[in-house]
N, C-alpha and C. Protein backbone atom coordinates (compact mmCIF):
# COMPACT_ATOMS: atom_id res chain seq x y z
N MET A 1 13.50 -142.17 -51.85
CA MET A 1 13.90 -142.23 -50.82
C MET A 1 13.29 -142.83 -50.66
N ASP A 2 13.44 -143.95 -49.54
CA ASP A 2 12.84 -145.32 -48.76
C ASP A 2 12.77 -144.87 -47.58
N THR A 3 11.92 -145.50 -46.92
CA THR A 3 11.00 -145.14 -45.81
C THR A 3 11.69 -145.29 -44.57
N THR A 4 13.14 -146.04 -45.02
CA THR A 4 13.70 -146.13 -43.61
C THR A 4 14.76 -144.98 -44.12
N ALA A 5 15.27 -144.75 -44.77
CA ALA A 5 16.28 -143.95 -45.10
C ALA A 5 15.90 -142.35 -44.87
N MET A 6 14.97 -142.16 -45.28
CA MET A 6 13.71 -140.97 -45.14
C MET A 6 13.66 -140.93 -43.36
N LEU A 7 13.17 -141.78 -42.75
CA LEU A 7 13.21 -141.93 -41.20
C LEU A 7 14.83 -141.33 -40.45
N ARG A 8 15.33 -142.34 -41.23
CA ARG A 8 17.07 -142.05 -40.54
C ARG A 8 17.31 -140.19 -40.83
N THR A 9 16.93 -139.95 -42.55
CA THR A 9 17.48 -138.62 -42.03
C THR A 9 16.70 -137.18 -41.04
N PHE A 10 15.34 -137.60 -41.61
CA PHE A 10 14.38 -136.75 -39.68
C PHE A 10 15.08 -137.23 -38.83
N CYS A 11 15.23 -138.04 -38.04
CA CYS A 11 15.70 -137.81 -37.09
C CYS A 11 17.43 -137.62 -36.51
N SER A 12 18.47 -137.68 -37.62
CA SER A 12 19.62 -137.35 -37.47
C SER A 12 19.77 -135.89 -37.97
N SER A 13 18.84 -135.08 -38.67
CA SER A 13 18.55 -134.20 -39.28
C SER A 13 18.34 -133.21 -37.71
N VAL A 14 17.71 -133.51 -37.00
CA VAL A 14 16.98 -133.09 -35.81
C VAL A 14 18.43 -133.13 -34.70
N GLU A 15 18.75 -133.92 -34.37
CA GLU A 15 19.94 -134.53 -33.84
C GLU A 15 21.22 -133.45 -33.97
N THR A 16 21.18 -133.70 -35.24
CA THR A 16 22.59 -132.40 -35.27
C THR A 16 22.25 -131.19 -35.87
N ARG A 17 21.22 -130.60 -35.93
CA ARG A 17 20.55 -129.37 -35.88
C ARG A 17 20.71 -128.93 -37.43
N ASP A 18 20.69 -129.53 -38.17
CA ASP A 18 20.60 -129.66 -39.67
C ASP A 18 19.67 -129.45 -40.43
N GLY A 19 18.56 -127.91 -40.21
CA GLY A 19 17.21 -127.56 -40.90
C GLY A 19 17.33 -127.71 -41.76
N LYS A 20 18.24 -127.28 -42.98
CA LYS A 20 17.64 -127.56 -43.97
C LYS A 20 17.84 -129.07 -44.81
N SER A 21 18.25 -129.84 -44.31
CA SER A 21 18.59 -130.99 -44.56
C SER A 21 17.01 -132.06 -43.95
N PHE A 22 16.49 -131.15 -42.71
CA PHE A 22 15.68 -131.86 -42.23
C PHE A 22 14.26 -131.13 -42.89
N ALA A 23 14.38 -129.52 -43.22
CA ALA A 23 13.35 -129.13 -44.65
C ALA A 23 13.16 -129.74 -46.19
N ASN A 24 14.29 -130.17 -46.13
CA ASN A 24 14.73 -130.20 -47.81
C ASN A 24 13.50 -132.15 -48.08
N LEU A 25 13.42 -132.69 -47.03
CA LEU A 25 12.10 -134.07 -46.71
C LEU A 25 10.90 -133.59 -46.87
N PHE A 26 10.94 -132.04 -46.87
CA PHE A 26 9.14 -131.71 -47.49
C PHE A 26 8.95 -131.09 -48.19
N THR A 27 8.21 -130.75 -48.96
CA THR A 27 7.75 -130.98 -50.01
C THR A 27 7.53 -129.34 -50.10
N GLU A 28 7.28 -128.21 -51.36
CA GLU A 28 8.03 -126.55 -50.94
C GLU A 28 6.69 -126.28 -49.94
N ASP A 29 5.29 -126.71 -50.05
CA ASP A 29 4.17 -126.59 -49.84
C ASP A 29 4.25 -127.21 -47.90
N GLY A 30 4.85 -128.15 -47.75
CA GLY A 30 5.11 -128.41 -46.41
C GLY A 30 4.82 -127.84 -45.31
N VAL A 31 4.15 -128.74 -44.40
CA VAL A 31 3.79 -128.58 -43.12
C VAL A 31 4.45 -128.31 -41.89
N TYR A 32 4.67 -128.60 -40.79
CA TYR A 32 5.47 -129.55 -39.75
C TYR A 32 4.31 -129.00 -38.97
N HIS A 33 3.67 -129.90 -37.82
CA HIS A 33 2.66 -129.21 -36.77
C HIS A 33 3.41 -129.94 -35.57
N ASP A 34 4.03 -129.07 -35.06
CA ASP A 34 4.29 -129.41 -33.46
C ASP A 34 3.80 -129.38 -32.57
N VAL A 35 3.42 -130.11 -31.88
CA VAL A 35 2.86 -130.56 -30.61
C VAL A 35 2.82 -129.03 -29.29
N PHE A 36 4.02 -128.48 -29.83
CA PHE A 36 4.54 -127.43 -28.85
C PHE A 36 4.18 -125.81 -29.30
N TYR A 37 5.12 -125.96 -30.50
CA TYR A 37 5.09 -124.73 -31.20
C TYR A 37 4.39 -124.63 -32.07
N GLY A 38 3.04 -125.39 -32.19
CA GLY A 38 2.35 -124.88 -33.70
C GLY A 38 2.47 -125.19 -34.98
N ALA A 39 2.14 -124.90 -36.20
CA ALA A 39 2.79 -125.23 -37.48
C ALA A 39 3.72 -124.67 -38.05
N PHE A 40 4.49 -124.69 -38.68
CA PHE A 40 5.24 -124.03 -39.50
C PHE A 40 5.28 -124.91 -40.95
N ALA A 41 4.69 -124.09 -41.92
CA ALA A 41 4.77 -124.12 -43.15
C ALA A 41 5.71 -123.40 -43.97
N GLY A 42 6.15 -124.17 -45.02
CA GLY A 42 7.68 -124.24 -46.34
C GLY A 42 8.52 -124.53 -45.69
N ARG A 43 9.34 -124.86 -46.45
CA ARG A 43 10.87 -125.47 -46.27
C ARG A 43 11.68 -124.25 -45.20
N ALA A 44 11.57 -122.80 -46.19
CA ALA A 44 12.19 -122.07 -45.24
C ALA A 44 11.81 -122.00 -43.42
N LYS A 45 10.61 -121.70 -42.89
CA LYS A 45 10.10 -121.78 -41.55
C LYS A 45 10.44 -123.30 -41.14
N ILE A 46 10.16 -124.39 -42.03
CA ILE A 46 10.76 -125.82 -40.78
C ILE A 46 12.31 -126.04 -40.50
N ALA A 47 12.68 -125.66 -41.47
CA ALA A 47 14.38 -125.20 -41.31
C ALA A 47 14.65 -124.50 -39.87
N ASP A 48 14.34 -122.83 -40.23
CA ASP A 48 14.50 -122.23 -38.72
C ASP A 48 13.30 -122.65 -37.71
N MET A 49 12.34 -123.63 -37.97
CA MET A 49 11.80 -124.71 -36.40
C MET A 49 13.27 -125.43 -35.84
N ILE A 50 13.83 -125.79 -36.46
CA ILE A 50 15.04 -126.80 -36.31
C ILE A 50 16.19 -126.40 -35.81
N ASP A 51 16.46 -124.87 -36.81
CA ASP A 51 17.65 -124.63 -36.09
C ASP A 51 17.66 -123.72 -35.47
N HIS A 52 16.97 -122.96 -34.68
CA HIS A 52 16.31 -121.89 -34.06
C HIS A 52 14.79 -122.30 -32.36
N HIS A 53 14.18 -122.98 -32.97
CA HIS A 53 13.10 -122.88 -31.81
C HIS A 53 13.57 -123.81 -30.98
N PHE A 54 13.78 -125.06 -31.64
CA PHE A 54 14.28 -126.46 -30.64
C PHE A 54 15.47 -126.14 -29.70
N TYR A 55 16.08 -125.74 -30.58
CA TYR A 55 17.67 -125.30 -29.74
C TYR A 55 17.97 -123.98 -28.87
N GLU A 56 16.69 -123.62 -28.82
CA GLU A 56 16.89 -121.82 -28.38
C GLU A 56 16.63 -122.57 -26.17
N THR A 57 16.02 -123.48 -26.83
CA THR A 57 15.36 -123.84 -25.50
C THR A 57 15.64 -125.27 -25.18
N ALA A 58 16.58 -126.16 -25.93
CA ALA A 58 16.83 -127.61 -25.56
C ALA A 58 18.74 -127.61 -26.17
N GLU A 59 18.77 -129.17 -25.06
CA GLU A 59 20.23 -129.65 -26.61
C GLU A 59 20.54 -131.19 -26.67
N ASP A 60 21.39 -131.65 -27.36
CA ASP A 60 21.18 -133.16 -26.96
C ASP A 60 20.63 -133.83 -27.38
N PHE A 61 19.62 -133.30 -28.66
CA PHE A 61 18.24 -134.28 -28.96
C PHE A 61 18.80 -135.06 -29.25
N ARG A 62 17.76 -136.68 -28.67
CA ARG A 62 17.70 -137.79 -29.24
C ARG A 62 16.39 -138.24 -29.84
N TRP A 63 16.70 -138.65 -31.31
CA TRP A 63 14.58 -138.91 -31.86
C TRP A 63 15.18 -140.35 -32.85
N ASP A 64 14.36 -141.06 -32.24
CA ASP A 64 14.15 -142.41 -32.76
C ASP A 64 13.11 -142.60 -33.24
N MET A 65 12.90 -143.83 -34.40
CA MET A 65 11.35 -144.32 -35.35
C MET A 65 11.61 -145.23 -34.90
N HIS A 66 10.43 -145.97 -34.79
CA HIS A 66 10.31 -147.37 -34.79
C HIS A 66 8.99 -147.81 -35.05
N ASP A 67 9.14 -149.48 -36.24
CA ASP A 67 7.87 -149.88 -36.12
C ASP A 67 7.04 -149.09 -37.74
N PRO A 68 7.79 -148.19 -38.75
CA PRO A 68 7.12 -147.15 -39.92
C PRO A 68 6.42 -148.58 -40.64
N VAL A 69 4.96 -147.99 -40.76
CA VAL A 69 3.99 -148.56 -41.61
C VAL A 69 3.83 -147.43 -42.90
N SER A 70 3.73 -147.77 -44.37
CA SER A 70 2.99 -147.08 -45.22
C SER A 70 2.37 -147.66 -46.25
N ASN A 71 1.23 -146.83 -46.62
CA ASN A 71 1.04 -146.86 -48.06
C ASN A 71 1.30 -146.41 -49.12
N GLY A 72 1.96 -145.42 -48.94
CA GLY A 72 2.76 -144.86 -50.16
C GLY A 72 2.32 -143.20 -49.73
N VAL A 73 1.20 -143.00 -49.02
CA VAL A 73 0.47 -142.12 -49.00
C VAL A 73 0.46 -141.44 -47.96
N THR A 74 0.04 -142.39 -46.40
CA THR A 74 0.20 -141.63 -45.91
C THR A 74 1.62 -142.77 -44.70
N LEU A 75 2.89 -142.38 -43.85
CA LEU A 75 3.27 -143.25 -43.07
C LEU A 75 2.91 -142.49 -41.80
N TYR A 76 3.18 -143.77 -40.74
CA TYR A 76 2.78 -143.93 -39.45
C TYR A 76 4.15 -144.68 -38.53
N ALA A 77 4.49 -143.90 -37.65
CA ALA A 77 6.14 -144.90 -37.18
C ALA A 77 5.99 -144.00 -35.52
N ARG A 78 5.81 -145.21 -34.78
CA ARG A 78 6.00 -144.61 -33.35
C ARG A 78 7.35 -144.29 -32.85
N TYR A 79 7.21 -143.62 -31.77
CA TYR A 79 8.96 -142.75 -31.58
C TYR A 79 8.76 -142.67 -30.19
N THR A 80 10.84 -142.50 -30.15
CA THR A 80 10.86 -142.04 -28.77
C THR A 80 11.59 -140.98 -29.49
N PHE A 81 11.95 -139.87 -28.39
CA PHE A 81 12.39 -138.52 -28.32
C PHE A 81 12.85 -138.13 -27.24
N SER A 82 13.78 -137.34 -27.16
CA SER A 82 14.48 -136.79 -25.69
C SER A 82 15.63 -135.58 -26.21
N TYR A 83 15.38 -134.81 -24.86
CA TYR A 83 16.81 -133.16 -25.09
C TYR A 83 16.85 -133.25 -24.24
N ARG A 84 17.85 -132.37 -23.82
CA ARG A 84 18.49 -131.49 -22.67
C ARG A 84 17.81 -130.97 -22.35
N SER A 85 17.01 -129.83 -21.37
CA SER A 85 15.98 -128.81 -21.87
C SER A 85 17.34 -127.53 -20.97
N LYS A 86 17.05 -126.63 -22.32
CA LYS A 86 18.07 -125.63 -20.83
C LYS A 86 16.75 -124.33 -20.63
N LEU A 87 16.04 -124.63 -20.17
CA LEU A 87 14.77 -123.86 -19.61
C LEU A 87 14.73 -123.77 -18.08
N PRO A 88 15.46 -122.43 -17.26
CA PRO A 88 15.99 -123.06 -15.91
C PRO A 88 15.27 -123.56 -15.16
N GLU A 89 13.30 -123.40 -14.94
CA GLU A 89 12.84 -124.47 -14.12
C GLU A 89 13.72 -126.18 -14.28
N ALA A 90 14.22 -126.56 -15.65
CA ALA A 90 14.42 -128.31 -16.12
C ALA A 90 15.57 -128.39 -15.21
N GLN A 91 16.43 -126.99 -14.97
CA GLN A 91 17.63 -127.55 -14.47
C GLN A 91 18.16 -128.94 -15.58
N GLY A 92 18.80 -128.40 -16.37
CA GLY A 92 19.73 -129.44 -17.04
C GLY A 92 18.71 -131.05 -17.54
N LYS A 93 17.89 -131.14 -16.78
CA LYS A 93 17.48 -132.34 -17.04
C LYS A 93 16.78 -132.75 -18.41
N ARG A 94 16.47 -134.17 -18.28
CA ARG A 94 16.58 -134.83 -19.92
C ARG A 94 15.05 -135.02 -20.03
N ALA A 95 14.47 -134.43 -20.77
CA ALA A 95 12.86 -134.46 -21.15
C ALA A 95 12.11 -135.78 -21.93
N MET A 96 11.41 -136.74 -21.31
CA MET A 96 11.44 -138.50 -22.91
C MET A 96 10.26 -137.93 -23.20
N PHE A 97 9.76 -138.41 -24.75
CA PHE A 97 8.92 -138.01 -25.31
C PHE A 97 8.09 -139.74 -25.74
N GLU A 98 7.21 -140.34 -26.03
CA GLU A 98 7.14 -141.54 -26.93
C GLU A 98 5.91 -140.63 -27.68
N GLY A 99 5.81 -141.25 -29.07
CA GLY A 99 4.52 -140.43 -29.25
C GLY A 99 4.61 -141.35 -30.81
N VAL A 100 3.53 -141.33 -31.70
CA VAL A 100 3.65 -141.67 -33.13
C VAL A 100 3.36 -140.88 -34.36
N ALA A 101 4.12 -140.62 -34.78
CA ALA A 101 4.19 -139.38 -36.24
C ALA A 101 3.57 -140.22 -37.40
N ILE A 102 2.61 -138.79 -37.67
CA ILE A 102 1.60 -139.20 -38.75
C ILE A 102 2.10 -138.08 -39.96
N MET A 103 2.67 -138.71 -41.12
CA MET A 103 3.17 -138.23 -42.16
C MET A 103 2.50 -138.73 -43.40
N THR A 104 1.79 -137.16 -44.12
CA THR A 104 1.16 -137.72 -45.58
C THR A 104 2.25 -136.87 -46.46
N LEU A 105 2.17 -137.81 -47.63
CA LEU A 105 2.98 -137.91 -48.39
C LEU A 105 2.97 -137.93 -49.82
N ARG A 106 3.99 -137.12 -50.57
CA ARG A 106 3.57 -136.81 -51.83
C ARG A 106 4.81 -136.89 -52.65
N ASN A 107 5.19 -137.73 -53.91
CA ASN A 107 5.82 -137.72 -54.59
C ASN A 107 7.38 -138.11 -53.70
N GLY A 108 7.09 -139.34 -52.34
CA GLY A 108 8.62 -139.31 -51.68
C GLY A 108 8.80 -138.02 -50.62
N LEU A 109 8.10 -137.37 -51.13
CA LEU A 109 8.60 -135.62 -49.64
C LEU A 109 7.16 -135.68 -48.48
N ILE A 110 7.69 -135.13 -47.47
CA ILE A 110 6.67 -135.46 -46.19
C ILE A 110 4.98 -133.40 -47.17
N VAL A 111 4.47 -133.74 -46.93
CA VAL A 111 3.52 -132.83 -47.28
C VAL A 111 2.73 -132.40 -45.71
N SER A 112 2.53 -132.98 -44.95
CA SER A 112 2.13 -132.55 -43.92
C SER A 112 2.67 -133.86 -42.39
N TYR A 113 3.10 -133.26 -41.72
CA TYR A 113 3.74 -133.75 -40.29
C TYR A 113 2.65 -133.71 -39.04
N GLN A 114 2.26 -134.50 -38.22
CA GLN A 114 1.92 -133.90 -37.15
C GLN A 114 1.48 -135.43 -36.25
N GLU A 115 1.52 -135.19 -35.06
CA GLU A 115 2.04 -136.28 -34.44
C GLU A 115 0.77 -135.94 -33.11
N VAL A 116 0.65 -137.50 -32.49
CA VAL A 116 0.28 -137.76 -31.46
C VAL A 116 1.01 -138.14 -30.04
N ALA A 117 1.53 -137.23 -28.88
CA ALA A 117 2.61 -138.11 -28.30
C ALA A 117 1.89 -137.40 -26.82
N ASN A 118 3.01 -138.17 -26.36
CA ASN A 118 2.76 -138.29 -24.61
C ASN A 118 3.63 -137.31 -23.80
N THR A 119 3.00 -135.89 -23.34
CA THR A 119 3.50 -134.79 -22.99
C THR A 119 3.97 -135.10 -21.55
N ALA A 120 3.13 -135.52 -21.18
CA ALA A 120 3.09 -135.47 -19.67
C ALA A 120 4.04 -135.86 -19.00
N PRO A 121 4.63 -137.05 -19.46
CA PRO A 121 5.52 -137.57 -18.23
C PRO A 121 7.04 -136.05 -18.54
N ALA A 122 7.37 -135.84 -20.10
CA ALA A 122 8.32 -134.38 -19.68
C ALA A 122 8.06 -133.65 -19.01
N PHE A 123 6.37 -133.07 -18.88
CA PHE A 123 6.28 -132.09 -18.17
C PHE A 123 6.83 -132.21 -16.75
N VAL A 124 6.48 -133.38 -15.80
CA VAL A 124 6.90 -133.24 -14.65
C VAL A 124 8.82 -133.82 -14.87
N ASP A 125 9.11 -134.14 -15.89
CA ASP A 125 10.64 -133.78 -15.73
C ASP A 125 10.85 -132.43 -16.01
N LEU A 126 10.41 -131.75 -16.51
CA LEU A 126 11.05 -130.72 -16.83
C LEU A 126 10.62 -129.59 -15.42
N ASN A 127 10.13 -129.79 -14.81
CA ASN A 127 9.06 -128.70 -13.31
C ASN A 127 8.46 -128.15 -13.69
N PHE A 128 7.36 -128.22 -14.54
CA PHE A 128 6.60 -127.16 -15.21
C PHE A 128 5.34 -127.03 -14.28
N ALA A 129 5.29 -125.97 -13.72
CA ALA A 129 4.12 -125.55 -13.02
C ALA A 129 2.75 -126.02 -13.17
N PRO A 130 1.91 -126.43 -11.87
CA PRO A 130 0.25 -127.40 -11.98
C PRO A 130 0.16 -126.07 -13.70
N GLU A 131 -0.02 -124.80 -13.27
CA GLU A 131 -0.92 -123.99 -14.37
C GLU A 131 -0.29 -123.91 -15.74
N ARG A 132 0.79 -124.07 -15.82
CA ARG A 132 1.81 -123.82 -17.33
C ARG A 132 0.97 -125.37 -17.59
N ILE A 133 1.00 -126.16 -16.98
CA ILE A 133 0.78 -127.25 -18.21
C ILE A 133 -0.93 -127.38 -17.84
N ALA A 134 -1.77 -126.52 -17.63
CA ALA A 134 -3.32 -126.61 -17.37
C ALA A 134 -3.07 -125.73 -18.27
N LYS A 135 -2.54 -125.00 -19.10
CA LYS A 135 -2.33 -123.63 -20.08
C LYS A 135 -2.07 -124.50 -21.40
N ILE A 136 -0.81 -125.52 -21.30
CA ILE A 136 -0.44 -126.50 -22.99
C ILE A 136 -1.70 -127.57 -22.40
N VAL A 137 -2.15 -128.33 -22.28
CA VAL A 137 -2.94 -129.27 -22.15
C VAL A 137 -4.12 -128.65 -22.87
N GLY A 138 -4.72 -126.88 -21.79
CA GLY A 138 -5.74 -126.59 -22.57
C GLY A 138 -5.41 -125.99 -24.43
N LYS A 139 -4.68 -125.29 -24.53
CA LYS A 139 -4.51 -125.52 -25.91
C LYS A 139 -4.35 -126.70 -27.05
N GLN A 140 -3.92 -128.08 -25.99
CA GLN A 140 -3.45 -129.32 -27.30
C GLN A 140 -5.52 -128.95 -27.30
N GLY A 141 -6.06 -129.18 -26.81
CA GLY A 141 -7.40 -129.71 -25.99
C GLY A 141 -7.96 -128.96 -27.52
N ALA A 142 -8.35 -127.87 -27.00
CA ALA A 142 -8.69 -126.60 -28.36
C ALA A 142 -8.27 -127.14 -29.64
N ALA A 143 -7.19 -127.28 -29.72
CA ALA A 143 -6.43 -127.40 -31.37
C ALA A 143 -7.62 -128.90 -31.79
N LEU A 144 -7.74 -130.04 -30.97
CA LEU A 144 -8.06 -131.17 -31.18
C LEU A 144 -9.59 -130.88 -31.69
N LYS A 145 -9.68 -130.44 -30.46
CA LYS A 145 -11.96 -129.80 -30.79
C LYS A 145 -11.76 -129.03 -32.03
N ALA A 146 -11.12 -128.26 -32.87
CA ALA A 146 -10.69 -127.18 -33.83
C ALA A 146 -11.05 -128.79 -34.76
N ARG A 147 -10.50 -129.75 -35.79
CA ARG A 147 -9.95 -130.67 -36.53
C ARG A 147 -11.63 -130.70 -37.23
N GLU A 148 -11.65 -130.77 -37.75
CA GLU A 148 -12.99 -131.52 -38.47
C GLU A 148 -13.51 -132.68 -38.69
N GLU A 149 -12.25 -134.02 -38.00
CA GLU A 149 -13.02 -135.02 -37.80
C GLU A 149 -13.94 -135.02 -35.95
N MET A 150 -13.23 -134.15 -35.63
CA MET A 150 -14.35 -134.01 -34.33
C MET A 150 -15.14 -133.35 -34.26
N LYS A 151 -15.77 -132.98 -35.00
CA LYS A 151 -17.20 -131.80 -34.95
C LYS A 151 -18.55 -133.04 -34.38
N ARG A 152 -18.18 -134.42 -34.62
CA ARG A 152 -19.44 -135.61 -34.42
C ARG A 152 -19.39 -135.43 -33.15
N HIS A 153 -17.68 -135.55 -32.34
CA HIS A 153 -17.54 -135.43 -31.17
C HIS A 153 -18.07 -134.79 -30.09
N LEU A 154 -18.22 -133.72 -30.45
CA LEU A 154 -18.78 -132.40 -29.79
C LEU A 154 -19.91 -132.06 -29.27
């Protein structure tokens, strides 16, 4: 599958709540690192993430990938992403994000997905309390500090 087709399937699988199709883009041992929910390892857990975790608290997903670049081993793509929140405090508002997807590939399948996302505007859209925002950002900071490539920066 070429990069454009893979990214199209990636986005449309989320938008149509097709966890199986989404998970089939990953290797059997693939891992999806979600900026909110954490890591999901293996196709079954990745499919469940889409079908349940994503859709329990949101609906009407829209995901677009822009300007992909790949060397066959690593794929980067800028993205825009949004959904309508089901959380009570959000009052049905649409939360919007932008970010960069970073995918490690093996034989045309995703081994690892991670992202760098600008989540701050969505927190405002979702009417999150300052304490909740601080807790989420604190978790993201702890995860960043735990990464091997950050050791030199600590």
